[in-house]
Amino acid sequence: MANLVYKQVSTDRQSTARQNLVLHEAGIEDPVVFEEDPGTSSRLHPLRRPEFRELLNYARPGDTVHISEPLR
C-alpha cells in the first residue's frame, strides 16, 4: 500500500510550501509525489491534468491519496 501525494498550484507565482508543511505535519511516510507544473491547474479540469491522471493510473486498491488543497 502506497501513500500517494498530489500537489498543485494555480499560478507560477505560488508555491507548494504550505502543502509540503501540511503533508509533513501529517507524518506521511515514503510518499509517491505527483506535482503539476505551476499554472497547469488553473487551465485544466482535474481529470485533464497530466500528473493527476498519472496518479489515477498509478493508484491501486489499498493506496491512500493525500491532497492538501481542494481541486478546482
PDB file of N, CA and C in Angstrom:
ATOM      1  N   MET A   1       0.842  -1.175   0.000  1.00  0.00           N
ATOM      2  CA  MET A   1       0.000   0.000   0.000  1.00  0.00           C
ATOM      3  C   MET A   1       0.883   1.232   0.000  1.00  0.00           C
ATOM      4  N   ALA A   2       0.572   2.163  -0.903  1.00  0.00           N
ATOM      5  CA  ALA A   2       1.388   3.355  -1.060  1.00  0.00           C
ATOM      6  C   ALA A   2       0.640   4.597  -0.584  1.00  0.00           C
ATOM      7  N   ASN A   3       1.420   5.584  -0.166  1.00  0.00           N
ATOM      8  CA  ASN A   3       0.899   6.913   0.132  1.00  0.00           C
ATOM      9  C   ASN A   3       1.147   7.782  -1.090  1.00  0.00           C
ATOM     10  N   LEU A   4       0.078   8.173  -1.768  1.00  0.00           N
ATOM     11  CA  LEU A   4       0.180   8.980  -2.970  1.00  0.00           C
ATOM     12  C   LEU A   4      -0.164  10.424  -2.627  1.00  0.00           C
ATOM     13  N   VAL A   5       0.689  11.341  -3.020  1.00  0.00           N
ATOM     14  CA  VAL A   5       0.517  12.759  -2.704  1.00  0.00           C
ATOM     15  C   VAL A   5       0.364  13.536  -4.002  1.00  0.00           C
ATOM     16  N   TYR A   6      -0.687  14.355  -4.063  1.00  0.00           N
ATOM     17  CA  TYR A   6      -0.910  15.211  -5.222  1.00  0.00           C
ATOM     18  C   TYR A   6      -0.759  16.660  -4.786  1.00  0.00           C
ATOM     19  N   LYS A   7       0.104  17.400  -5.508  1.00  0.00           N
ATOM     20  CA  LYS A   7       0.321  18.815  -5.209  1.00  0.00           C
ATOM     21  C   LYS A   7       0.139  19.629  -6.484  1.00  0.00           C
ATOM     22  N   GLN A   8      -0.443  20.824  -6.297  1.00  0.00           N
ATOM     23  CA  GLN A   8      -0.647  21.716  -7.436  1.00  0.00           C
ATOM     24  C   GLN A   8      -0.803  23.141  -6.945  1.00  0.00           C
ATOM     25  N   VAL A   9      -0.451  24.077  -7.799  1.00  0.00           N
ATOM     26  CA  VAL A   9      -0.708  25.490  -7.558  1.00  0.00           C
ATOM     27  C   VAL A   9      -1.346  26.054  -8.827  1.00  0.00           C
ATOM     28  N   SER A  10      -2.090  27.133  -8.668  1.00  0.00           N
ATOM     29  CA  SER A  10      -2.824  27.688  -9.804  1.00  0.00           C
ATOM     30  C   SER A  10      -1.968  28.573 -10.700  1.00  0.00           C
ATOM     31  N   THR A  11      -0.946  29.226 -10.130  1.00  0.00           N
ATOM     32  CA  THR A  11      -0.116  30.130 -10.930  1.00  0.00           C
ATOM     33  C   THR A  11       1.359  29.885 -10.643  1.00  0.00           C
ATOM     34  N   ASP A  12       2.212  30.381 -11.520  1.00  0.00           N
ATOM     35  CA  ASP A  12       3.648  30.226 -11.307  1.00  0.00           C
ATOM     36  C   ASP A  12       4.175  31.182 -10.242  1.00  0.00           C
ATOM     37  N   ARG A  13       3.316  32.022  -9.683  1.00  0.00           N
ATOM     38  CA  ARG A  13       3.705  32.917  -8.585  1.00  0.00           C
ATOM     39  C   ARG A  13       3.457  32.280  -7.224  1.00  0.00           C
ATOM     40  N   GLN A  14       2.862  31.113  -7.222  1.00  0.00           N
ATOM     41  CA  GLN A  14       2.573  30.398  -5.983  1.00  0.00           C
ATOM     42  C   GLN A  14       3.575  29.262  -5.810  1.00  0.00           C
ATOM     43  N   SER A  15       3.622  28.732  -4.590  1.00  0.00           N
ATOM     44  CA  SER A  15       4.497  27.582  -4.337  1.00  0.00           C
ATOM     45  C   SER A  15       3.722  26.519  -3.573  1.00  0.00           C
ATOM     46  N   THR A  16       4.316  25.357  -3.502  1.00  0.00           N
ATOM     47  CA  THR A  16       3.693  24.250  -2.767  1.00  0.00           C
ATOM     48  C   THR A  16       4.200  24.189  -1.324  1.00  0.00           C
ATOM     49  N   ALA A  17       4.832  25.250  -0.843  1.00  0.00           N
ATOM     50  CA  ALA A  17       5.421  25.254   0.506  1.00  0.00           C
ATOM     51  C   ALA A  17       4.398  24.912   1.588  1.00  0.00           C
ATOM     52  N   ARG A  18       3.229  25.518   1.543  1.00  0.00           N
ATOM     53  CA  ARG A  18       2.211  25.239   2.566  1.00  0.00           C
ATOM     54  C   ARG A  18       1.723  23.805   2.458  1.00  0.00           C
ATOM     55  N   GLN A  19       1.555  23.308   1.244  1.00  0.00           N
ATOM     56  CA  GLN A  19       1.145  21.919   1.061  1.00  0.00           C
ATOM     57  C   GLN A  19       2.210  20.979   1.624  1.00  0.00           C
ATOM     58  N   ASN A  20       3.474  21.307   1.365  1.00  0.00           N
ATOM     59  CA  ASN A  20       4.575  20.497   1.908  1.00  0.00           C
ATOM     60  C   ASN A  20       4.521  20.455   3.428  1.00  0.00           C
ATOM     61  N   LEU A  21       4.262  21.601   4.061  1.00  0.00           N
ATOM     62  CA  LEU A  21       4.178  21.672   5.516  1.00  0.00           C
ATOM     63  C   LEU A  21       3.030  20.816   6.044  1.00  0.00           C
ATOM     64  N   VAL A  22       1.866  20.944   5.434  1.00  0.00           N
ATOM     65  CA  VAL A  22       0.696  20.160   5.864  1.00  0.00           C
ATOM     66  C   VAL A  22       0.987  18.667   5.747  1.00  0.00           C
ATOM     67  N   LEU A  23       1.555  18.273   4.628  1.00  0.00           N
ATOM     68  CA  LEU A  23       1.842  16.854   4.418  1.00  0.00           C
ATOM     69  C   LEU A  23       2.935  16.356   5.369  1.00  0.00           C
ATOM     70  N   HIS A  24       3.926  17.193   5.641  1.00  0.00           N
ATOM     71  CA  HIS A  24       4.980  16.821   6.591  1.00  0.00           C
ATOM     72  C   HIS A  24       4.390  16.651   7.992  1.00  0.00           C
ATOM     73  N   GLU A  25       3.544  17.601   8.391  1.00  0.00           N
ATOM     74  CA  GLU A  25       2.922  17.528   9.720  1.00  0.00           C
ATOM     75  C   GLU A  25       2.011  16.316   9.854  1.00  0.00           C
ATOM     76  N   ALA A  26       1.481  15.838   8.743  1.00  0.00           N
ATOM     77  CA  ALA A  26       0.628  14.649   8.774  1.00  0.00           C
ATOM     78  C   ALA A  26       1.448  13.380   8.976  1.00  0.00           C
ATOM     79  N   GLY A  27       2.771  13.479   8.822  1.00  0.00           N
ATOM     80  CA  GLY A  27       3.636  12.328   9.055  1.00  0.00           C
ATOM     81  C   GLY A  27       3.552  11.250   7.995  1.00  0.00           C
ATOM     82  N   ILE A  28       3.312  11.639   6.771  1.00  0.00           N
ATOM     83  CA  ILE A  28       3.195  10.672   5.686  1.00  0.00           C
ATOM     84  C   ILE A  28       4.576  10.107   5.368  1.00  0.00           C
ATOM     85  N   GLU A  29       4.697   8.793   5.432  1.00  0.00           N
ATOM     86  CA  GLU A  29       5.979   8.135   5.204  1.00  0.00           C
ATOM     87  C   GLU A  29       6.106   7.660   3.765  1.00  0.00           C
ATOM     88  N   ASP A  30       7.284   7.837   3.192  1.00  0.00           N
ATOM     89  CA  ASP A  30       7.622   7.365   1.847  1.00  0.00           C
ATOM     90  C   ASP A  30       6.549   7.690   0.807  1.00  0.00           C
ATOM     91  N   PRO A  31       6.207   8.965   0.664  1.00  0.00           N
ATOM     92  CA  PRO A  31       5.160   9.294  -0.306  1.00  0.00           C
ATOM     93  C   PRO A  31       5.634   9.160  -1.751  1.00  0.00           C
ATOM     94  N   VAL A  32       4.699   8.816  -2.612  1.00  0.00           N
ATOM     95  CA  VAL A  32       4.916   8.885  -4.051  1.00  0.00           C
ATOM     96  C   VAL A  32       4.242  10.190  -4.459  1.00  0.00           C
ATOM     97  N   VAL A  33       5.024  11.161  -4.936  1.00  0.00           N
ATOM     98  CA  VAL A  33       4.522  12.512  -5.165  1.00  0.00           C
ATOM     99  C   VAL A  33       4.222  12.750  -6.645  1.00  0.00           C
ATOM    100  N   PHE A  34       3.067  13.334  -6.887  1.00  0.00           N
ATOM    101  CA  PHE A  34       2.638  13.758  -8.214  1.00  0.00           C
ATOM    102  C   PHE A  34       2.407  15.261  -8.119  1.00  0.00           C
ATOM    103  N   GLU A  35       3.229  16.044  -8.820  1.00  0.00           N
ATOM    104  CA  GLU A  35       3.152  17.507  -8.706  1.00  0.00           C
ATOM    105  C   GLU A  35       3.033  18.137 -10.089  1.00  0.00           C
ATOM    106  N   GLU A  36       1.974  18.927 -10.251  1.00  0.00           N
ATOM    107  CA  GLU A  36       1.752  19.600 -11.527  1.00  0.00           C
ATOM    108  C   GLU A  36       2.754  20.741 -11.714  1.00  0.00           C
ATOM    109  N   ASP A  37       3.047  21.052 -12.961  1.00  0.00           N
ATOM    110  CA  ASP A  37       3.818  22.248 -13.267  1.00  0.00           C
ATOM    111  C   ASP A  37       2.988  23.455 -12.851  1.00  0.00           C
ATOM    112  N   PRO A  38       3.625  24.509 -12.324  1.00  0.00           N
ATOM    113  CA  PRO A  38       2.868  25.699 -11.919  1.00  0.00           C
ATOM    114  C   PRO A  38       2.010  26.235 -13.063  1.00  0.00           C
ATOM    115  N   GLY A  39       0.804  26.600 -12.731  1.00  0.00           N
ATOM    116  CA  GLY A  39      -0.108  27.165 -13.715  1.00  0.00           C
ATOM    117  C   GLY A  39      -0.958  26.152 -14.452  1.00  0.00           C
ATOM    118  N   THR A  40      -0.591  24.899 -14.412  1.00  0.00           N
ATOM    119  CA  THR A  40      -1.369  23.877 -15.118  1.00  0.00           C
ATOM    120  C   THR A  40      -2.782  23.778 -14.569  1.00  0.00           C
ATOM    121  N   SER A  41      -2.905  23.804 -13.265  1.00  0.00           N
ATOM    122  CA  SER A  41      -4.201  23.535 -12.654  1.00  0.00           C
ATOM    123  C   SER A  41      -5.228  24.624 -12.899  1.00  0.00           C
ATOM    124  N   SER A  42      -4.800  25.848 -13.168  1.00  0.00           N
ATOM    125  CA  SER A  42      -5.789  26.899 -13.396  1.00  0.00           C
ATOM    126  C   SER A  42      -6.415  26.800 -14.783  1.00  0.00           C
ATOM    127  N   ARG A  43      -5.790  26.068 -15.683  1.00  0.00           N
ATOM    128  CA  ARG A  43      -6.273  25.993 -17.057  1.00  0.00           C
ATOM    129  C   ARG A  43      -7.047  24.718 -17.367  1.00  0.00           C
ATOM    130  N   LEU A  44      -6.865  23.689 -16.570  1.00  0.00           N
ATOM    131  CA  LEU A  44      -7.420  22.384 -16.919  1.00  0.00           C
ATOM    132  C   LEU A  44      -8.305  21.811 -15.822  1.00  0.00           C
ATOM    133  N   HIS A  45      -9.348  21.123 -16.230  1.00  0.00           N
ATOM    134  CA  HIS A  45     -10.163  20.348 -15.300  1.00  0.00           C
ATOM    135  C   HIS A  45      -9.253  19.305 -14.660  1.00  0.00           C
ATOM    136  N   PRO A  46      -9.459  18.960 -13.382  1.00  0.00           N
ATOM    137  CA  PRO A  46      -8.572  17.988 -12.728  1.00  0.00           C
ATOM    138  C   PRO A  46      -8.338  16.701 -13.518  1.00  0.00           C
ATOM    139  N   LEU A  47      -9.361  16.191 -14.182  1.00  0.00           N
ATOM    140  CA  LEU A  47      -9.182  14.934 -14.927  1.00  0.00           C
ATOM    141  C   LEU A  47      -8.347  15.097 -16.192  1.00  0.00           C
ATOM    142  N   ARG A  48      -8.051  16.321 -16.562  1.00  0.00           N
ATOM    143  CA  ARG A  48      -7.211  16.581 -17.734  1.00  0.00           C
ATOM    144  C   ARG A  48      -5.784  16.982 -17.358  1.00  0.00           C
ATOM    145  N   ARG A  49      -5.499  17.079 -16.078  1.00  0.00           N
ATOM    146  CA  ARG A  49      -4.161  17.457 -15.624  1.00  0.00           C
ATOM    147  C   ARG A  49      -3.236  16.253 -15.707  1.00  0.00           C
ATOM    148  N   PRO A  50      -2.054  16.414 -16.306  1.00  0.00           N
ATOM    149  CA  PRO A  50      -1.162  15.268 -16.533  1.00  0.00           C
ATOM    150  C   PRO A  50      -0.783  14.496 -15.266  1.00  0.00           C
ATOM    151  N   GLU A  51      -0.402  15.188 -14.212  1.00  0.00           N
ATOM    152  CA  GLU A  51       0.036  14.480 -13.003  1.00  0.00           C
ATOM    153  C   GLU A  51      -1.128  13.855 -12.243  1.00  0.00           C
ATOM    154  N   PHE A  52      -2.287  14.493 -12.272  1.00  0.00           N
ATOM    155  CA  PHE A  52      -3.455  13.891 -11.624  1.00  0.00           C
ATOM    156  C   PHE A  52      -3.864  12.628 -12.360  1.00  0.00           C
ATOM    157  N   ARG A  53      -3.811  12.665 -13.684  1.00  0.00           N
ATOM    158  CA  ARG A  53      -4.104  11.458 -14.480  1.00  0.00           C
ATOM    159  C   ARG A  53      -3.088  10.363 -14.169  1.00  0.00           C
ATOM    160  N   GLU A  54      -1.825  10.751 -14.038  1.00  0.00           N
ATOM    161  CA  GLU A  54      -0.778   9.782 -13.707  1.00  0.00           C
ATOM    162  C   GLU A  54      -1.044   9.146 -12.342  1.00  0.00           C
ATOM    163  N   LEU A  55      -1.458   9.962 -11.372  1.00  0.00           N
ATOM    164  CA  LEU A  55      -1.801   9.438 -10.047  1.00  0.00           C
ATOM    165  C   LEU A  55      -2.933   8.425 -10.166  1.00  0.00           C
ATOM    166  N   LEU A  56      -3.969   8.762 -10.927  1.00  0.00           N
ATOM    167  CA  LEU A  56      -5.097   7.845 -11.084  1.00  0.00           C
ATOM    168  C   LEU A  56      -4.671   6.534 -11.740  1.00  0.00           C
ATOM    169  N   ASN A  57      -3.775   6.606 -12.703  1.00  0.00           N
ATOM    170  CA  ASN A  57      -3.280   5.396 -13.366  1.00  0.00           C
ATOM    171  C   ASN A  57      -2.381   4.574 -12.448  1.00  0.00           C
ATOM    172  N   TYR A  58      -1.655   5.226 -11.559  1.00  0.00           N
ATOM    173  CA  TYR A  58      -0.712   4.574 -10.652  1.00  0.00           C
ATOM    174  C   TYR A  58      -1.424   3.903  -9.477  1.00  0.00           C
ATOM    175  N   ALA A  59      -2.502   4.528  -8.996  1.00  0.00           N
ATOM    176  CA  ALA A  59      -3.174   4.088  -7.772  1.00  0.00           C
ATOM    177  C   ALA A  59      -3.705   2.659  -7.881  1.00  0.00           C
ATOM    178  N   ARG A  60      -3.565   1.941  -6.777  1.00  0.00           N
ATOM    179  CA  ARG A  60      -4.047   0.565  -6.661  1.00  0.00           C
ATOM    180  C   ARG A  60      -4.927   0.440  -5.412  1.00  0.00           C
ATOM    181  N   PRO A  61      -5.802  -0.559  -5.367  1.00  0.00           N
ATOM    182  CA  PRO A  61      -6.607  -0.754  -4.157  1.00  0.00           C
ATOM    183  C   PRO A  61      -5.709  -0.829  -2.927  1.00  0.00           C
ATOM    184  N   GLY A  62      -6.106  -0.109  -1.894  1.00  0.00           N
ATOM    185  CA  GLY A  62      -5.344  -0.082  -0.654  1.00  0.00           C
ATOM    186  C   GLY A  62      -4.427   1.126  -0.536  1.00  0.00           C
ATOM    187  N   ASP A  63      -4.137   1.809  -1.651  1.00  0.00           N
ATOM    188  CA  ASP A  63      -3.335   3.024  -1.599  1.00  0.00           C
ATOM    189  C   ASP A  63      -4.140   4.140  -0.937  1.00  0.00           C
ATOM    190  N   THR A  64      -3.430   5.108  -0.367  1.00  0.00           N
ATOM    191  CA  THR A  64      -4.060   6.279   0.222  1.00  0.00           C
ATOM    192  C   THR A  64      -3.634   7.498  -0.571  1.00  0.00           C
ATOM    193  N   VAL A  65      -4.597   8.293  -1.006  1.00  0.00           N
ATOM    194  CA  VAL A  65      -4.319   9.519  -1.739  1.00  0.00           C
ATOM    195  C   VAL A  65      -4.436  10.696  -0.777  1.00  0.00           C
ATOM    196  N   HIS A  66      -3.390  11.530  -0.751  1.00  0.00           N
ATOM    197  CA  HIS A  66      -3.346  12.713   0.114  1.00  0.00           C
ATOM    198  C   HIS A  66      -3.347  13.952  -0.779  1.00  0.00           C
ATOM    199  N   ILE A  67      -4.329  14.829  -0.562  1.00  0.00           N
ATOM    200  CA  ILE A  67      -4.427  16.091  -1.283  1.00  0.00           C
ATOM    201  C   ILE A  67      -4.706  17.165  -0.250  1.00  0.00           C
ATOM    202  N   SER A  68      -3.789  18.118  -0.105  1.00  0.00           N
ATOM    203  CA  SER A  68      -3.976  19.125   0.947  1.00  0.00           C
ATOM    204  C   SER A  68      -4.745  20.351   0.475  1.00  0.00           C
ATOM    205  N   GLU A  69      -4.885  20.517  -0.839  1.00  0.00           N
ATOM    206  CA  GLU A  69      -5.634  21.654  -1.390  1.00  0.00           C
ATOM    207  C   GLU A  69      -6.791  21.117  -2.216  1.00  0.00           C
ATOM    208  N   PRO A  70      -7.959  21.749  -2.138  1.00  0.00           N
ATOM    209  CA  PRO A  70      -9.087  21.268  -2.932  1.00  0.00           C
ATOM    210  C   PRO A  70      -8.815  21.409  -4.426  1.00  0.00           C
ATOM    211  N   LEU A  71      -9.299  20.475  -5.194  1.00  0.00           N
ATOM    212  CA  LEU A  71      -9.163  20.530  -6.646  1.00  0.00           C
ATOM    213  C   LEU A  71     -10.225  21.468  -7.202  1.00  0.00           C
ATOM    214  N   ARG A  72      -9.798  22.349  -8.082  1.00  0.00           N
ATOM    215  CA  ARG A  72     -10.755  23.295  -8.686  1.00  0.00           C
ATOM    216  C   ARG A  72     -10.715  23.155 -10.167  1.00  0.00           C
TER     217      ARG A  72
END
